[in-house]
Amino acid sequence: GGTFVQAESEVAAINMVYGAGATGTLAVTS
C-alpha cells in the first residue's frame, strides 16, 4: 500500500519526502 516515486532529481525527491512526511506518512529517501 505504499508509494514509490523515481523523482526527476534529488532536489525533487527530498521535497516529495517533505510533502509526504507532512501528512504523517512515514517517508524515506536514499
ModelCIF file with pLDDT and N, C-alpha, C, O atoms, coordinates in Angstrom:
data_MODEL
#
_entry.id   MODEL 
#
_entity.id                         1 
_entity.type                       polymer 
_entity.pdbx_number_of_molecules   1 
#
_entity_poly.entity_id                      1 
_entity_poly.type                           'polypeptide(L)' 
_entity_poly.nstd_linkage                   no 
_entity_poly.nstd_monomer                   no 
_entity_poly.pdbx_seq_one_letter_code       GGTFVQAESEVAAINMVYGAGATGTLAVTS 
_entity_poly.pdbx_seq_one_letter_code_can   GGTFVQAESEVAAINMVYGAGATGTLAVTS 
_entity_poly.pdbx_strand_id                 A 
#
loop_
_entity_poly_seq.entity_id 
_entity_poly_seq.num 
_entity_poly_seq.mon_id 
_entity_poly_seq.hetero 
1 1  GLY n 
1 2  GLY n 
1 3  THR n 
1 4  PHE n 
1 5  VAL n 
1 6  GLN n 
1 7  ALA n 
1 8  GLU n 
1 9  SER n 
1 10 GLU n 
1 11 VAL n 
1 12 ALA n 
1 13 ALA n 
1 14 ILE n 
1 15 ASN n 
1 16 MET n 
1 17 VAL n 
1 18 TYR n 
1 19 GLY n 
1 20 ALA n 
1 21 GLY n 
1 22 ALA n 
1 23 THR n 
1 24 GLY n 
1 25 THR n 
1 26 LEU n 
1 27 ALA n 
1 28 VAL n 
1 29 THR n 
1 30 SER n 
#
_struct_asym.id          A 
_struct_asym.entity_id   1 
#
loop_
_ma_qa_metric.id 
_ma_qa_metric.mode 
_ma_qa_metric.name 
_ma_qa_metric.software_group_id 
_ma_qa_metric.type 
1 global pLDDT . pLDDT 
2 local  pLDDT . pLDDT 
#
_ma_qa_metric_global.metric_id      1 
_ma_qa_metric_global.metric_value   97.67 
_ma_qa_metric_global.model_id       1 
_ma_qa_metric_global.ordinal_id     1 
#
loop_
_ma_qa_metric_local.label_asym_id 
_ma_qa_metric_local.label_comp_id 
_ma_qa_metric_local.label_seq_id 
_ma_qa_metric_local.metric_id 
_ma_qa_metric_local.metric_value 
_ma_qa_metric_local.model_id 
_ma_qa_metric_local.ordinal_id 
A GLY 1  2 96.00 1 1  
A GLY 2  2 98.00 1 2  
A THR 3  2 98.00 1 3  
A PHE 4  2 98.00 1 4  
A VAL 5  2 98.00 1 5  
A GLN 6  2 97.00 1 6  
A ALA 7  2 97.00 1 7  
A GLU 8  2 97.00 1 8  
A SER 9  2 97.00 1 9  
A GLU 10 2 98.00 1 10 
A VAL 11 2 98.00 1 11 
A ALA 12 2 98.00 1 12 
A ALA 13 2 98.00 1 13 
A ILE 14 2 98.00 1 14 
A ASN 15 2 98.00 1 15 
A MET 16 2 98.00 1 16 
A VAL 17 2 98.00 1 17 
A TYR 18 2 98.00 1 18 
A GLY 19 2 97.00 1 19 
A ALA 20 2 98.00 1 20 
A GLY 21 2 98.00 1 21 
A ALA 22 2 97.00 1 22 
A THR 23 2 97.00 1 23 
A GLY 24 2 97.00 1 24 
A THR 25 2 98.00 1 25 
A LEU 26 2 98.00 1 26 
A ALA 27 2 98.00 1 27 
A VAL 28 2 98.00 1 28 
A THR 29 2 98.00 1 29 
A SER 30 2 98.00 1 30 
#
loop_
_atom_site.group_PDB 
_atom_site.id 
_atom_site.type_symbol 
_atom_site.label_atom_id 
_atom_site.label_alt_id 
_atom_site.label_comp_id 
_atom_site.label_asym_id 
_atom_site.label_entity_id 
_atom_site.label_seq_id 
_atom_site.pdbx_PDB_ins_code 
_atom_site.Cartn_x 
_atom_site.Cartn_y 
_atom_site.Cartn_z 
_atom_site.occupancy 
_atom_site.B_iso_or_equiv 
_atom_site.pdbx_formal_charge 
_atom_site.auth_seq_id 
_atom_site.auth_comp_id 
_atom_site.auth_asym_id 
_atom_site.auth_atom_id 
_atom_site.pdbx_PDB_model_num 
ATOM 1   N N  . GLY A 1 1  ? 0.802  -1.222 0.000   1.00 96.00 ? 1  GLY A N  1 
ATOM 2   C CA . GLY A 1 1  ? 0.000  0.000  0.000   1.00 96.00 ? 1  GLY A CA 1 
ATOM 3   C C  . GLY A 1 1  ? 0.826  1.258  0.000   1.00 96.00 ? 1  GLY A C  1 
ATOM 4   O O  . GLY A 1 1  ? 0.311  2.343  0.271   1.00 96.00 ? 1  GLY A O  1 
ATOM 5   N N  . GLY A 1 2  ? 2.112  1.127  -0.303  1.00 98.00 ? 2  GLY A N  1 
ATOM 6   C CA . GLY A 1 2  ? 2.989  2.283  -0.307  1.00 98.00 ? 2  GLY A CA 1 
ATOM 7   C C  . GLY A 1 2  ? 3.145  2.882  -1.694  1.00 98.00 ? 2  GLY A C  1 
ATOM 8   O O  . GLY A 1 2  ? 2.638  2.351  -2.682  1.00 98.00 ? 2  GLY A O  1 
ATOM 9   N N  . THR A 1 3  ? 3.852  3.986  -1.743  1.00 98.00 ? 3  THR A N  1 
ATOM 10  C CA . THR A 1 3  ? 4.067  4.718  -2.989  1.00 98.00 ? 3  THR A CA 1 
ATOM 11  C C  . THR A 1 3  ? 5.552  4.874  -3.248  1.00 98.00 ? 3  THR A C  1 
ATOM 12  O O  . THR A 1 3  ? 6.301  5.341  -2.389  1.00 98.00 ? 3  THR A O  1 
ATOM 13  N N  . PHE A 1 4  ? 5.970  4.481  -4.439  1.00 98.00 ? 4  PHE A N  1 
ATOM 14  C CA . PHE A 1 4  ? 7.348  4.666  -4.879  1.00 98.00 ? 4  PHE A CA 1 
ATOM 15  C C  . PHE A 1 4  ? 7.358  5.690  -6.006  1.00 98.00 ? 4  PHE A C  1 
ATOM 16  O O  . PHE A 1 4  ? 6.563  5.600  -6.941  1.00 98.00 ? 4  PHE A O  1 
ATOM 17  N N  . VAL A 1 5  ? 8.260  6.663  -5.916  1.00 98.00 ? 5  VAL A N  1 
ATOM 18  C CA . VAL A 1 5  ? 8.397  7.657  -6.974  1.00 98.00 ? 5  VAL A CA 1 
ATOM 19  C C  . VAL A 1 5  ? 9.874  7.781  -7.335  1.00 98.00 ? 5  VAL A C  1 
ATOM 20  O O  . VAL A 1 5  ? 10.708 8.076  -6.479  1.00 98.00 ? 5  VAL A O  1 
ATOM 21  N N  . GLN A 1 6  ? 10.192 7.552  -8.618  1.00 97.00 ? 6  GLN A N  1 
ATOM 22  C CA . GLN A 1 6  ? 11.510 7.950  -9.089  1.00 97.00 ? 6  GLN A CA 1 
ATOM 23  C C  . GLN A 1 6  ? 11.390 9.395  -9.533  1.00 97.00 ? 6  GLN A C  1 
ATOM 24  O O  . GLN A 1 6  ? 10.808 9.697  -10.575 1.00 97.00 ? 6  GLN A O  1 
ATOM 25  N N  . ALA A 1 7  ? 11.952 10.283 -8.726  1.00 97.00 ? 7  ALA A N  1 
ATOM 26  C CA . ALA A 1 7  ? 11.830 11.712 -8.983  1.00 97.00 ? 7  ALA A CA 1 
ATOM 27  C C  . ALA A 1 7  ? 12.725 12.128 -10.143 1.00 97.00 ? 7  ALA A C  1 
ATOM 28  O O  . ALA A 1 7  ? 13.583 11.367 -10.591 1.00 97.00 ? 7  ALA A O  1 
ATOM 29  N N  . GLU A 1 8  ? 12.510 13.338 -10.615 1.00 97.00 ? 8  GLU A N  1 
ATOM 30  C CA . GLU A 1 8  ? 13.325 13.845 -11.719 1.00 97.00 ? 8  GLU A CA 1 
ATOM 31  C C  . GLU A 1 8  ? 14.683 14.350 -11.258 1.00 97.00 ? 8  GLU A C  1 
ATOM 32  O O  . GLU A 1 8  ? 15.556 14.627 -12.080 1.00 97.00 ? 8  GLU A O  1 
ATOM 33  N N  . SER A 1 9  ? 14.868 14.472 -9.931  1.00 97.00 ? 9  SER A N  1 
ATOM 34  C CA . SER A 1 9  ? 16.145 14.925 -9.388  1.00 97.00 ? 9  SER A CA 1 
ATOM 35  C C  . SER A 1 9  ? 16.161 14.657 -7.890  1.00 97.00 ? 9  SER A C  1 
ATOM 36  O O  . SER A 1 9  ? 15.130 14.363 -7.285  1.00 97.00 ? 9  SER A O  1 
ATOM 37  N N  . GLU A 1 10 ? 17.341 14.764 -7.310  1.00 98.00 ? 10 GLU A N  1 
ATOM 38  C CA . GLU A 1 10 ? 17.446 14.634 -5.865  1.00 98.00 ? 10 GLU A CA 1 
ATOM 39  C C  . GLU A 1 10 ? 16.707 15.745 -5.132  1.00 98.00 ? 10 GLU A C  1 
ATOM 40  O O  . GLU A 1 10 ? 16.116 15.518 -4.076  1.00 98.00 ? 10 GLU A O  1 
ATOM 41  N N  . VAL A 1 11 ? 16.745 16.948 -5.699  1.00 98.00 ? 11 VAL A N  1 
ATOM 42  C CA . VAL A 1 11 ? 16.035 18.074 -5.085  1.00 98.00 ? 11 VAL A CA 1 
ATOM 43  C C  . VAL A 1 11 ? 14.540 17.783 -5.034  1.00 98.00 ? 11 VAL A C  1 
ATOM 44  O O  . VAL A 1 11 ? 13.889 18.013 -4.015  1.00 98.00 ? 11 VAL A O  1 
ATOM 45  N N  . ALA A 1 12 ? 14.004 17.278 -6.135  1.00 98.00 ? 12 ALA A N  1 
ATOM 46  C CA . ALA A 1 12 ? 12.581 16.931 -6.158  1.00 98.00 ? 12 ALA A CA 1 
ATOM 47  C C  . ALA A 1 12 ? 12.277 15.821 -5.164  1.00 98.00 ? 12 ALA A C  1 
ATOM 48  O O  . ALA A 1 12 ? 11.258 15.861 -4.475  1.00 98.00 ? 12 ALA A O  1 
ATOM 49  N N  . ALA A 1 13 ? 13.158 14.832 -5.090  1.00 98.00 ? 13 ALA A N  1 
ATOM 50  C CA . ALA A 1 13 ? 12.910 13.682 -4.226  1.00 98.00 ? 13 ALA A CA 1 
ATOM 51  C C  . ALA A 1 13 ? 12.772 14.087 -2.767  1.00 98.00 ? 13 ALA A C  1 
ATOM 52  O O  . ALA A 1 13 ? 11.836 13.658 -2.092  1.00 98.00 ? 13 ALA A O  1 
ATOM 53  N N  . ILE A 1 14 ? 13.694 14.911 -2.270  1.00 98.00 ? 14 ILE A N  1 
ATOM 54  C CA . ILE A 1 14 ? 13.640 15.271 -0.849  1.00 98.00 ? 14 ILE A CA 1 
ATOM 55  C C  . ILE A 1 14 ? 12.427 16.128 -0.550  1.00 98.00 ? 14 ILE A C  1 
ATOM 56  O O  . ILE A 1 14 ? 11.874 16.055 0.548   1.00 98.00 ? 14 ILE A O  1 
ATOM 57  N N  . ASN A 1 15 ? 12.005 16.939 -1.508  1.00 98.00 ? 15 ASN A N  1 
ATOM 58  C CA . ASN A 1 15 ? 10.810 17.755 -1.278  1.00 98.00 ? 15 ASN A CA 1 
ATOM 59  C C  . ASN A 1 15 ? 9.527  16.928 -1.359  1.00 98.00 ? 15 ASN A C  1 
ATOM 60  O O  . ASN A 1 15 ? 8.533  17.268 -0.717  1.00 98.00 ? 15 ASN A O  1 
ATOM 61  N N  . MET A 1 16 ? 9.540  15.847 -2.141  1.00 98.00 ? 16 MET A N  1 
ATOM 62  C CA . MET A 1 16 ? 8.416  14.904 -2.109  1.00 98.00 ? 16 MET A CA 1 
ATOM 63  C C  . MET A 1 16 ? 8.341  14.211 -0.753  1.00 98.00 ? 16 MET A C  1 
ATOM 64  O O  . MET A 1 16 ? 7.254  14.003 -0.214  1.00 98.00 ? 16 MET A O  1 
ATOM 65  N N  . VAL A 1 17 ? 9.503  13.855 -0.205  1.00 98.00 ? 17 VAL A N  1 
ATOM 66  C CA . VAL A 1 17 ? 9.539  13.259 1.132   1.00 98.00 ? 17 VAL A CA 1 
ATOM 67  C C  . VAL A 1 17 ? 9.013  14.252 2.163   1.00 98.00 ? 17 VAL A C  1 
ATOM 68  O O  . VAL A 1 17 ? 8.281  13.873 3.077   1.00 98.00 ? 17 VAL A O  1 
ATOM 69  N N  . TYR A 1 18 ? 9.378  15.507 2.019   1.00 98.00 ? 18 TYR A N  1 
ATOM 70  C CA . TYR A 1 18 ? 8.879  16.575 2.893   1.00 98.00 ? 18 TYR A CA 1 
ATOM 71  C C  . TYR A 1 18 ? 7.348  16.626 2.841   1.00 98.00 ? 18 TYR A C  1 
ATOM 72  O O  . TYR A 1 18 ? 6.683  16.682 3.875   1.00 98.00 ? 18 TYR A O  1 
ATOM 73  N N  . GLY A 1 19 ? 6.807  16.607 1.631   1.00 97.00 ? 19 GLY A N  1 
ATOM 74  C CA . GLY A 1 19 ? 5.356  16.667 1.485   1.00 97.00 ? 19 GLY A CA 1 
ATOM 75  C C  . GLY A 1 19 ? 4.656  15.456 2.056   1.00 97.00 ? 19 GLY A C  1 
ATOM 76  O O  . GLY A 1 19 ? 3.649  15.588 2.751   1.00 97.00 ? 19 GLY A O  1 
ATOM 77  N N  . ALA A 1 20 ? 5.188  14.253 1.766   1.00 98.00 ? 20 ALA A N  1 
ATOM 78  C CA . ALA A 1 20 ? 4.570  13.034 2.294   1.00 98.00 ? 20 ALA A CA 1 
ATOM 79  C C  . ALA A 1 20 ? 4.672  12.987 3.813   1.00 98.00 ? 20 ALA A C  1 
ATOM 80  O O  . ALA A 1 20 ? 3.714  12.624 4.496   1.00 98.00 ? 20 ALA A O  1 
ATOM 81  N N  . GLY A 1 21 ? 5.850  13.360 4.344   1.00 98.00 ? 21 GLY A N  1 
ATOM 82  C CA . GLY A 1 21 ? 6.030  13.348 5.787   1.00 98.00 ? 21 GLY A CA 1 
ATOM 83  C C  . GLY A 1 21 ? 5.106  14.318 6.499   1.00 98.00 ? 21 GLY A C  1 
ATOM 84  O O  . GLY A 1 21 ? 4.692  14.067 7.631   1.00 98.00 ? 21 GLY A O  1 
ATOM 85  N N  . ALA A 1 22 ? 4.779  15.431 5.842   1.00 97.00 ? 22 ALA A N  1 
ATOM 86  C CA . ALA A 1 22 ? 3.886  16.418 6.453   1.00 97.00 ? 22 ALA A CA 1 
ATOM 87  C C  . ALA A 1 22 ? 2.480  15.879 6.651   1.00 97.00 ? 22 ALA A C  1 
ATOM 88  O O  . ALA A 1 22 ? 1.729  16.401 7.475   1.00 97.00 ? 22 ALA A O  1 
ATOM 89  N N  . THR A 1 23 ? 2.112  14.844 5.910   1.00 97.00 ? 23 THR A N  1 
ATOM 90  C CA . THR A 1 23 ? 0.794  14.232 6.086   1.00 97.00 ? 23 THR A CA 1 
ATOM 91  C C  . THR A 1 23 ? 0.795  13.160 7.175   1.00 97.00 ? 23 THR A C  1 
ATOM 92  O O  . THR A 1 23 ? -0.241 12.557 7.458   1.00 97.00 ? 23 THR A O  1 
ATOM 93  N N  . GLY A 1 24 ? 1.956  12.924 7.783   1.00 97.00 ? 24 GLY A N  1 
ATOM 94  C CA . GLY A 1 24 ? 2.069  11.877 8.793   1.00 97.00 ? 24 GLY A CA 1 
ATOM 95  C C  . GLY A 1 24 ? 2.483  10.536 8.236   1.00 97.00 ? 24 GLY A C  1 
ATOM 96  O O  . GLY A 1 24 ? 2.642  9.578  8.992   1.00 97.00 ? 24 GLY A O  1 
ATOM 97  N N  . THR A 1 25 ? 2.662  10.443 6.922   1.00 98.00 ? 25 THR A N  1 
ATOM 98  C CA . THR A 1 25 ? 3.135  9.201  6.302   1.00 98.00 ? 25 THR A CA 1 
ATOM 99  C C  . THR A 1 25 ? 4.615  9.005  6.623   1.00 98.00 ? 25 THR A C  1 
ATOM 100 O O  . THR A 1 25 ? 5.394  9.957  6.570   1.00 98.00 ? 25 THR A O  1 
ATOM 101 N N  . LEU A 1 26 ? 5.008  7.766  6.958   1.00 98.00 ? 26 LEU A N  1 
ATOM 102 C CA . LEU A 1 26 ? 6.418  7.504  7.207   1.00 98.00 ? 26 LEU A CA 1 
ATOM 103 C C  . LEU A 1 26 ? 7.148  7.475  5.871   1.00 98.00 ? 26 LEU A C  1 
ATOM 104 O O  . LEU A 1 26 ? 6.874  6.633  5.017   1.00 98.00 ? 26 LEU A O  1 
ATOM 105 N N  . ALA A 1 27 ? 8.081  8.408  5.705   1.00 98.00 ? 27 ALA A N  1 
ATOM 106 C CA . ALA A 1 27 ? 8.725  8.624  4.413   1.00 98.00 ? 27 ALA A CA 1 
ATOM 107 C C  . ALA A 1 27 ? 10.226 8.414  4.521   1.00 98.00 ? 27 ALA A C  1 
ATOM 108 O O  . ALA A 1 27 ? 10.835 8.688  5.555   1.00 98.00 ? 27 ALA A O  1 
ATOM 109 N N  . VAL A 1 28 ? 10.815 7.920  3.429   1.00 98.00 ? 28 VAL A N  1 
ATOM 110 C CA . VAL A 1 28 ? 12.237 7.633  3.391   1.00 98.00 ? 28 VAL A CA 1 
ATOM 111 C C  . VAL A 1 28 ? 12.775 7.978  2.012   1.00 98.00 ? 28 VAL A C  1 
ATOM 112 O O  . VAL A 1 28 ? 12.069 7.878  1.009   1.00 98.00 ? 28 VAL A O  1 
ATOM 113 N N  . THR A 1 29 ? 14.027 8.383  1.980   1.00 98.00 ? 29 THR A N  1 
ATOM 114 C CA . THR A 1 29 ? 14.735 8.550  0.720   1.00 98.00 ? 29 THR A CA 1 
ATOM 115 C C  . THR A 1 29 ? 16.136 7.986  0.892   1.00 98.00 ? 29 THR A C  1 
ATOM 116 O O  . THR A 1 29 ? 16.629 7.849  2.011   1.00 98.00 ? 29 THR A O  1 
ATOM 117 N N  . SER A 1 30 ? 16.766 7.663  -0.217  1.00 98.00 ? 30 SER A N  1 
ATOM 118 C CA . SER A 1 30 ? 18.148 7.195  -0.179  1.00 98.00 ? 30 SER A CA 1 
ATOM 119 C C  . SER A 1 30 ? 18.917 7.834  -1.320  1.00 98.00 ? 30 SER A C  1 
ATOM 120 O O  . SER A 1 30 ? 20.111 7.579  -1.479  1.00 98.00 ? 30 SER A O  1 
#
